[in-house]
Amino acid sequence: VLDKWGEVKPVYSSITNKPDTNYFLVWDVSGNYGLVSTKNEIVIPVKYDDDIMITGTKAIAKSRNKKLVELWDIKAKTKVKLPGINGGSEVGSGGLIAVEAVNHKWGYSDSKGKLVLPAKYNYAQKFVDNKAVVMIGEKYGVINEKGVIIIPCKYDELTAVGKSLLLARI
């Protein structure tokens, strides 16, 4: 950042452009993340020790050391604390976000911070077209937005490819 005399003063230790957005992910010298607009306005304070991922006008900011996951509305510059100690990186279809609870099980929160599907999965991925890959025990399957298993948890691995295709490993 240039001061009024044209001298450069370091503010961030690193800056990364977020593709297809008007924002920059910034780090301070202690390794905390924040989000700054192209107009140099702080959108999300530099206080998160994990990544900040943007989905449309929403951003998920995580701090593993503080066991904190927050959903930010970038335009309104408001946040909602999500239940849990960790979270997925993206907001899924229907506005659902995978969150990890204190019991180290995963469930789903809505964008208001309410747990809408209980934390009972060993792992949970984002919802795509109202379906999500989850893990129960050591096997993967698929649930719908009501938590009903629509593909049994019998696969060693399931990876979503696009909106309607899954790669399965048995």
Protein backbone atom coordinates (compact mmCIF):
# COMPACT_ATOMS: atom_id res chain seq x y z
CA VAL A 1 0.00 0.00 0.00
CA LEU A 2 1.33 3.45 -0.86
CA ASP A 3 1.22 6.13 1.80
CA LYS A 4 0.53 9.79 0.97
CA TRP A 5 4.21 10.36 0.13
CA GLY A 6 4.37 7.46 -2.31
CA GLU A 7 6.31 5.17 0.02
CA VAL A 8 5.39 1.49 -0.03
CA LYS A 9 4.27 0.14 3.35
CA PRO A 10 3.70 -3.63 3.65
CA VAL A 11 0.21 -4.50 4.82
CA TYR A 12 -0.12 -8.15 3.82
CA SER A 13 2.50 -10.83 3.43
CA SER A 14 0.72 -12.34 0.40
CA ILE A 15 -2.16 -11.54 -1.93
CA THR A 16 -3.97 -13.91 -4.30
CA ASN A 17 -6.60 -12.91 -6.83
CA LYS A 18 -9.82 -14.94 -6.51
CA PRO A 19 -10.63 -15.79 -10.16
CA ASP A 20 -13.95 -14.48 -11.51
CA THR A 21 -14.46 -12.24 -8.46
CA ASN A 22 -13.54 -8.70 -7.51
CA TYR A 23 -11.75 -9.87 -4.39
CA PHE A 24 -8.27 -10.75 -3.19
CA LEU A 25 -7.45 -13.34 -0.56
CA VAL A 26 -4.82 -11.81 1.72
CA TRP A 27 -2.54 -13.19 4.44
CA ASP A 28 -0.84 -11.33 7.25
CA VAL A 29 2.60 -12.22 8.64
CA SER A 30 1.06 -14.56 11.24
CA GLY A 31 -0.64 -16.61 8.49
CA ASN A 32 -4.21 -15.39 8.98
CA TYR A 33 -6.51 -14.98 5.98
CA GLY A 34 -8.93 -12.25 5.03
CA LEU A 35 -10.70 -10.93 1.94
CA VAL A 36 -10.18 -7.49 0.39
CA SER A 37 -12.08 -5.92 -2.52
CA THR A 38 -10.35 -4.45 -5.57
CA LYS A 39 -11.15 -1.06 -4.00
CA ASN A 40 -8.96 -2.04 -0.99
CA GLU A 41 -11.96 -2.41 1.34
CA ILE A 42 -11.74 -5.16 3.95
CA VAL A 43 -14.67 -7.45 3.25
CA ILE A 44 -13.69 -10.24 5.65
CA PRO A 45 -11.26 -9.34 8.46
CA VAL A 46 -7.82 -10.95 8.42
CA LYS A 47 -8.38 -13.36 11.31
CA TYR A 48 -8.95 -16.85 9.88
CA ASP A 49 -6.12 -19.40 9.99
CA ASP A 50 -7.61 -21.66 7.30
CA ASP A 51 -8.84 -20.93 3.80
CA ILE A 52 -11.68 -18.68 2.68
CA MET A 53 -13.69 -20.09 -0.23
CA ILE A 54 -16.17 -18.08 -2.28
CA THR A 55 -19.39 -19.48 -3.82
CA GLY A 56 -21.26 -16.71 -5.61
CA THR A 57 -21.86 -13.96 -3.03
CA LYS A 58 -21.17 -16.26 -0.06
CA ALA A 59 -17.82 -17.17 1.48
CA ILE A 60 -16.95 -19.85 4.01
CA ALA A 61 -14.19 -18.73 6.37
CA LYS A 62 -12.56 -21.23 8.73
CA SER A 63 -10.25 -20.98 11.70
CA ARG A 64 -9.13 -24.43 12.83
CA ASN A 65 -7.23 -23.14 15.87
CA LYS A 66 -10.35 -21.37 17.14
CA LYS A 67 -12.65 -24.20 15.93
CA LEU A 68 -14.70 -21.60 14.09
CA VAL A 69 -16.61 -21.76 10.79
CA GLU A 70 -18.50 -18.72 9.52
CA LEU A 71 -20.59 -18.04 6.44
CA TRP A 72 -20.13 -14.53 5.10
CA ASP A 73 -22.46 -12.63 2.80
CA ILE A 74 -19.81 -10.72 0.84
CA LYS A 75 -22.11 -7.98 -0.48
CA ALA A 76 -23.75 -7.23 2.86
CA LYS A 77 -20.49 -7.84 4.80
CA THR A 78 -22.41 -9.88 7.37
CA LYS A 79 -21.61 -13.25 8.87
CA VAL A 80 -23.35 -16.20 10.47
CA LYS A 81 -21.54 -18.63 12.77
CA LEU A 82 -22.04 -22.17 11.55
CA PRO A 83 -22.43 -25.02 14.04
CA GLY A 84 -19.29 -27.07 14.36
CA ILE A 85 -15.52 -26.95 14.44
CA ASN A 86 -14.84 -27.39 10.71
CA GLY A 87 -16.75 -27.05 7.49
CA GLY A 88 -16.82 -27.81 3.83
CA SER A 89 -15.32 -25.32 1.42
CA GLU A 90 -18.40 -24.57 -0.65
CA VAL A 91 -22.06 -23.77 -0.24
CA GLY A 92 -23.98 -26.60 -1.90
CA SER A 93 -27.27 -26.59 -3.75
CA GLY A 94 -30.18 -25.56 -1.57
CA GLY A 95 -27.77 -23.41 0.48
CA LEU A 96 -26.62 -26.38 2.57
CA ILE A 97 -23.10 -26.48 4.00
CA ALA A 98 -21.30 -29.57 5.29
CA VAL A 99 -20.11 -29.00 8.87
CA GLU A 100 -18.08 -31.11 11.28
CA ALA A 101 -19.38 -31.23 14.86
CA VAL A 102 -17.40 -31.55 18.09
CA ASN A 103 -18.03 -35.32 17.96
CA HIS A 104 -16.03 -35.32 14.66
CA LYS A 105 -19.11 -36.40 12.71
CA TRP A 106 -20.43 -34.40 9.77
CA GLY A 107 -23.89 -32.99 9.13
CA TYR A 108 -25.40 -30.06 7.23
CA SER A 109 -26.23 -26.49 8.20
CA ASP A 110 -28.40 -24.00 6.36
CA SER A 111 -27.21 -20.48 5.58
CA LYS A 112 -28.76 -19.19 8.83
CA GLY A 113 -26.48 -21.38 10.94
CA LYS A 114 -29.11 -23.96 11.87
CA LEU A 115 -28.13 -27.63 11.78
CA VAL A 116 -30.71 -29.15 9.41
CA LEU A 117 -29.23 -32.64 8.97
CA PRO A 118 -27.68 -34.14 12.11
CA ALA A 119 -23.95 -34.71 12.46
CA LYS A 120 -23.91 -38.48 12.02
CA TYR A 121 -21.67 -39.04 9.00
CA ASN A 122 -17.96 -39.84 9.10
CA TYR A 123 -17.55 -37.37 6.24
CA ALA A 124 -19.88 -35.27 4.07
CA GLN A 125 -19.40 -33.48 0.75
CA LYS A 126 -21.32 -30.52 -0.67
CA PHE A 127 -24.79 -30.92 -2.13
CA VAL A 128 -25.02 -30.92 -5.93
CA ASP A 129 -28.52 -30.98 -7.44
CA ASN A 130 -29.95 -31.78 -4.00
CA LYS A 131 -27.76 -34.87 -3.53
CA ALA A 132 -24.55 -35.30 -1.53
CA VAL A 133 -21.89 -37.96 -1.10
CA VAL A 134 -21.51 -39.04 2.54
CA MET A 135 -19.42 -41.61 4.38
CA ILE A 136 -20.81 -43.94 7.05
CA GLY A 137 -18.13 -46.04 8.71
CA GLU A 138 -15.61 -46.48 5.92
CA LYS A 139 -18.06 -46.65 3.00
CA TYR A 140 -19.53 -43.95 0.77
CA GLY A 141 -23.09 -43.48 -0.48
CA VAL A 142 -25.45 -40.66 -1.48
CA ILE A 143 -28.21 -38.88 0.46
CA ASN A 144 -30.91 -36.46 -0.62
CA GLU A 145 -31.56 -33.08 1.03
CA LYS A 146 -33.79 -34.75 3.65
CA GLY A 147 -30.97 -37.08 4.70
CA VAL A 148 -32.52 -40.18 3.11
CA ILE A 149 -29.92 -42.57 1.69
CA ILE A 150 -30.62 -42.92 -2.04
CA ILE A 151 -27.45 -44.84 -2.95
CA PRO A 152 -26.35 -47.25 -0.19
CA CYS A 153 -23.06 -46.65 1.63
CA LYS A 154 -21.20 -49.61 0.15
CA TYR A 155 -18.48 -47.99 -1.96
CA ASP A 156 -14.82 -47.56 -1.02
CA GLU A 157 -14.85 -44.21 -2.80
CA LEU A 158 -17.40 -42.01 -4.57
CA THR A 159 -16.37 -38.91 -6.48
CA ALA A 160 -18.85 -36.52 -8.07
CA VAL A 161 -18.06 -35.71 -11.70
CA GLY A 162 -20.29 -32.89 -12.84
CA LYS A 163 -23.92 -32.83 -11.75
CA SER A 164 -25.13 -36.30 -12.63
CA LEU A 165 -22.17 -38.70 -12.70
CA LEU A 166 -20.34 -40.49 -9.89
CA LEU A 167 -17.09 -42.43 -10.13
CA ALA A 168 -17.22 -45.40 -7.76
CA ARG A 169 -14.43 -47.60 -6.46
CA ILE A 170 -15.23 -50.95 -4.87
